[in-house]
Amino acid sequence: VHVLERKLGGLTTSEMAEIDQYNISLYPTISNGTFKLQCSPEWIGSDYYLCSAPGEIVKNGKILNAETLFFENLTSGMYIMTVGNSTNRRSIKLMTFMVRW
């Protein structure tokens, strides 16, 4: 049996399916400090770190559910959310802004 795999953007379809299996997202990526981390079950129990642009950890913990809602009092700027376990690690950029009236 021969299996033909199509390459899309440098990845084979089976490699893309493997990436999709470990799906994780953070939205909105431009936020006022309220944002949601959504992940596949493989990430539950993983550590997360929210770091400021200079690298200071401003929040950390463990992912306990497939959806985690954050209400953070963050200053305007860029942050990086890193999620990791023994086999995988992902980082996602987050921009925050303060609304002034």
C-alpha atoms as a PDB file:
ATOM      1  CA  VAL A   1       0.000   0.000   0.000  1.00  0.00           C
ATOM      2  CA  HIS A   2       1.396   3.362  -1.008  1.00  0.00           C
ATOM      3  CA  VAL A   3       0.280   6.471   0.817  1.00  0.00           C
ATOM      4  CA  LEU A   4       0.580   9.715  -1.073  1.00  0.00           C
ATOM      5  CA  GLU A   5       0.881  12.831   1.040  1.00  0.00           C
ATOM      6  CA  ARG A   6       0.390  16.318  -0.245  1.00  0.00           C
ATOM      7  CA  LYS A   7       2.717  19.074   0.977  1.00  0.00           C
ATOM      8  CA  LEU A   8       1.038  22.313   2.042  1.00  0.00           C
ATOM      9  CA  GLY A   9       3.310  25.147   3.114  1.00  0.00           C
ATOM     10  CA  GLY A  10       6.215  22.752   3.709  1.00  0.00           C
ATOM     11  CA  LEU A  11       4.192  20.329   5.860  1.00  0.00           C
ATOM     12  CA  THR A  12       2.657  17.044   4.814  1.00  0.00           C
ATOM     13  CA  THR A  13      -1.027  16.502   5.545  1.00  0.00           C
ATOM     14  CA  SER A  14      -0.179  14.009   8.314  1.00  0.00           C
ATOM     15  CA  GLU A  15       2.170  16.554   9.941  1.00  0.00           C
ATOM     16  CA  MET A  16      -0.609  19.141   9.799  1.00  0.00           C
ATOM     17  CA  ALA A  17      -3.036  16.681  11.441  1.00  0.00           C
ATOM     18  CA  GLU A  18      -0.494  16.109  14.220  1.00  0.00           C
ATOM     19  CA  ILE A  19      -0.234  19.861  14.829  1.00  0.00           C
ATOM     20  CA  ASP A  20      -4.044  20.156  14.871  1.00  0.00           C
ATOM     21  CA  GLN A  21      -4.170  17.414  17.513  1.00  0.00           C
ATOM     22  CA  TYR A  22      -2.334  19.760  19.889  1.00  0.00           C
ATOM     23  CA  ASN A  23      -4.479  22.787  19.110  1.00  0.00           C
ATOM     24  CA  ILE A  24      -4.159  25.792  21.375  1.00  0.00           C
ATOM     25  CA  SER A  25      -5.387  29.342  20.873  1.00  0.00           C
ATOM     26  CA  LEU A  26      -5.492  32.621  22.732  1.00  0.00           C
ATOM     27  CA  TYR A  27      -8.041  35.250  21.787  1.00  0.00           C
ATOM     28  CA  PRO A  28      -8.581  38.018  21.276  1.00  0.00           C
ATOM     29  CA  THR A  29      -4.876  38.596  20.593  1.00  0.00           C
ATOM     30  CA  ILE A  30      -5.464  42.321  21.029  1.00  0.00           C
ATOM     31  CA  SER A  31      -7.085  42.736  24.420  1.00  0.00           C
ATOM     32  CA  ASN A  32      -7.864  45.087  27.277  1.00  0.00           C
ATOM     33  CA  GLY A  33      -6.703  42.401  29.722  1.00  0.00           C
ATOM     34  CA  THR A  34      -9.602  39.966  29.292  1.00  0.00           C
ATOM     35  CA  PHE A  35      -8.747  37.001  27.080  1.00  0.00           C
ATOM     36  CA  LYS A  36      -9.425  33.285  26.711  1.00  0.00           C
ATOM     37  CA  LEU A  37      -7.018  30.369  26.365  1.00  0.00           C
ATOM     38  CA  GLN A  38      -8.642  27.456  24.559  1.00  0.00           C
ATOM     39  CA  CYS A  39      -6.891  24.118  24.074  1.00  0.00           C
ATOM     40  CA  SER A  40      -7.277  20.472  23.191  1.00  0.00           C
ATOM     41  CA  PRO A  41      -7.390  17.940  26.079  1.00  0.00           C
ATOM     42  CA  GLU A  42      -3.680  17.098  25.614  1.00  0.00           C
ATOM     43  CA  TRP A  43      -2.771  20.494  27.129  1.00  0.00           C
ATOM     44  CA  ILE A  44      -4.801  20.093  30.352  1.00  0.00           C
ATOM     45  CA  GLY A  45      -2.366  19.867  33.261  1.00  0.00           C
ATOM     46  CA  SER A  46       0.313  21.811  31.357  1.00  0.00           C
ATOM     47  CA  ASP A  47       2.065  24.848  32.812  1.00  0.00           C
ATOM     48  CA  TYR A  48       1.451  28.316  31.418  1.00  0.00           C
ATOM     49  CA  TYR A  49       3.493  31.486  31.749  1.00  0.00           C
ATOM     50  CA  LEU A  50       2.394  34.985  30.778  1.00  0.00           C
ATOM     51  CA  CYS A  51       5.508  37.116  30.287  1.00  0.00           C
ATOM     52  CA  SER A  52       5.941  40.806  29.536  1.00  0.00           C
ATOM     53  CA  ALA A  53       8.078  41.877  26.548  1.00  0.00           C
ATOM     54  CA  PRO A  54      11.217  42.228  28.755  1.00  0.00           C
ATOM     55  CA  GLY A  55      10.670  38.641  29.967  1.00  0.00           C
ATOM     56  CA  GLU A  56       9.155  39.203  33.425  1.00  0.00           C
ATOM     57  CA  ILE A  57       6.640  36.501  34.399  1.00  0.00           C
ATOM     58  CA  VAL A  58       3.440  38.361  35.298  1.00  0.00           C
ATOM     59  CA  LYS A  59       1.238  35.276  35.788  1.00  0.00           C
ATOM     60  CA  ASN A  60       1.741  31.538  35.791  1.00  0.00           C
ATOM     61  CA  GLY A  61      -0.157  28.401  36.680  1.00  0.00           C
ATOM     62  CA  LYS A  62      -1.560  25.155  35.309  1.00  0.00           C
ATOM     63  CA  ILE A  63      -4.216  24.682  32.658  1.00  0.00           C
ATOM     64  CA  LEU A  64      -7.138  23.011  34.427  1.00  0.00           C
ATOM     65  CA  ASN A  65      -9.806  23.129  31.687  1.00  0.00           C
ATOM     66  CA  ALA A  66     -10.088  23.217  27.914  1.00  0.00           C
ATOM     67  CA  GLU A  67     -11.135  26.877  28.265  1.00  0.00           C
ATOM     68  CA  THR A  68      -9.552  29.299  30.714  1.00  0.00           C
ATOM     69  CA  LEU A  69     -10.724  32.882  30.991  1.00  0.00           C
ATOM     70  CA  PHE A  70      -8.246  35.515  32.199  1.00  0.00           C
ATOM     71  CA  PHE A  71      -9.164  38.882  33.705  1.00  0.00           C
ATOM     72  CA  GLU A  72      -5.800  40.582  34.105  1.00  0.00           C
ATOM     73  CA  ASN A  73      -4.884  44.105  35.076  1.00  0.00           C
ATOM     74  CA  LEU A  74      -2.043  44.480  32.559  1.00  0.00           C
ATOM     75  CA  THR A  75      -0.334  47.647  31.407  1.00  0.00           C
ATOM     76  CA  SER A  76      -0.430  48.352  27.670  1.00  0.00           C
ATOM     77  CA  GLY A  77       2.141  46.390  25.712  1.00  0.00           C
ATOM     78  CA  MET A  78       3.110  43.046  24.252  1.00  0.00           C
ATOM     79  CA  TYR A  79       3.005  39.818  26.241  1.00  0.00           C
ATOM     80  CA  ILE A  80       3.850  36.221  25.393  1.00  0.00           C
ATOM     81  CA  MET A  81       1.750  33.312  26.678  1.00  0.00           C
ATOM     82  CA  THR A  82       3.830  30.130  26.749  1.00  0.00           C
ATOM     83  CA  VAL A  83       2.213  26.771  27.425  1.00  0.00           C
ATOM     84  CA  GLY A  84       4.270  23.643  27.859  1.00  0.00           C
ATOM     85  CA  ASN A  85       4.316  20.058  29.007  1.00  0.00           C
ATOM     86  CA  SER A  86       6.858  17.241  28.785  1.00  0.00           C
ATOM     87  CA  THR A  87       6.363  16.779  25.023  1.00  0.00           C
ATOM     88  CA  ASN A  88       5.144  20.102  23.583  1.00  0.00           C
ATOM     89  CA  ARG A  89       5.588  23.843  23.993  1.00  0.00           C
ATOM     90  CA  ARG A  90       3.726  26.684  22.272  1.00  0.00           C
ATOM     91  CA  SER A  91       4.027  30.478  22.557  1.00  0.00           C
ATOM     92  CA  ILE A  92       1.411  33.017  21.476  1.00  0.00           C
ATOM     93  CA  LYS A  93       1.714  36.822  21.326  1.00  0.00           C
ATOM     94  CA  LEU A  94      -0.839  38.970  23.121  1.00  0.00           C
ATOM     95  CA  MET A  95      -1.182  42.757  22.826  1.00  0.00           C
ATOM     96  CA  THR A  96      -2.936  44.691  25.571  1.00  0.00           C
ATOM     97  CA  PHE A  97      -4.098  48.268  25.670  1.00  0.00           C
ATOM     98  CA  MET A  98      -5.615  50.512  28.277  1.00  0.00           C
ATOM     99  CA  VAL A  99      -8.748  52.428  27.321  1.00  0.00           C
ATOM    100  CA  ARG A 100      -8.654  55.986  28.607  1.00  0.00           C
ATOM    101  CA  TRP A 101     -11.817  58.097  28.743  1.00  0.00           C
END
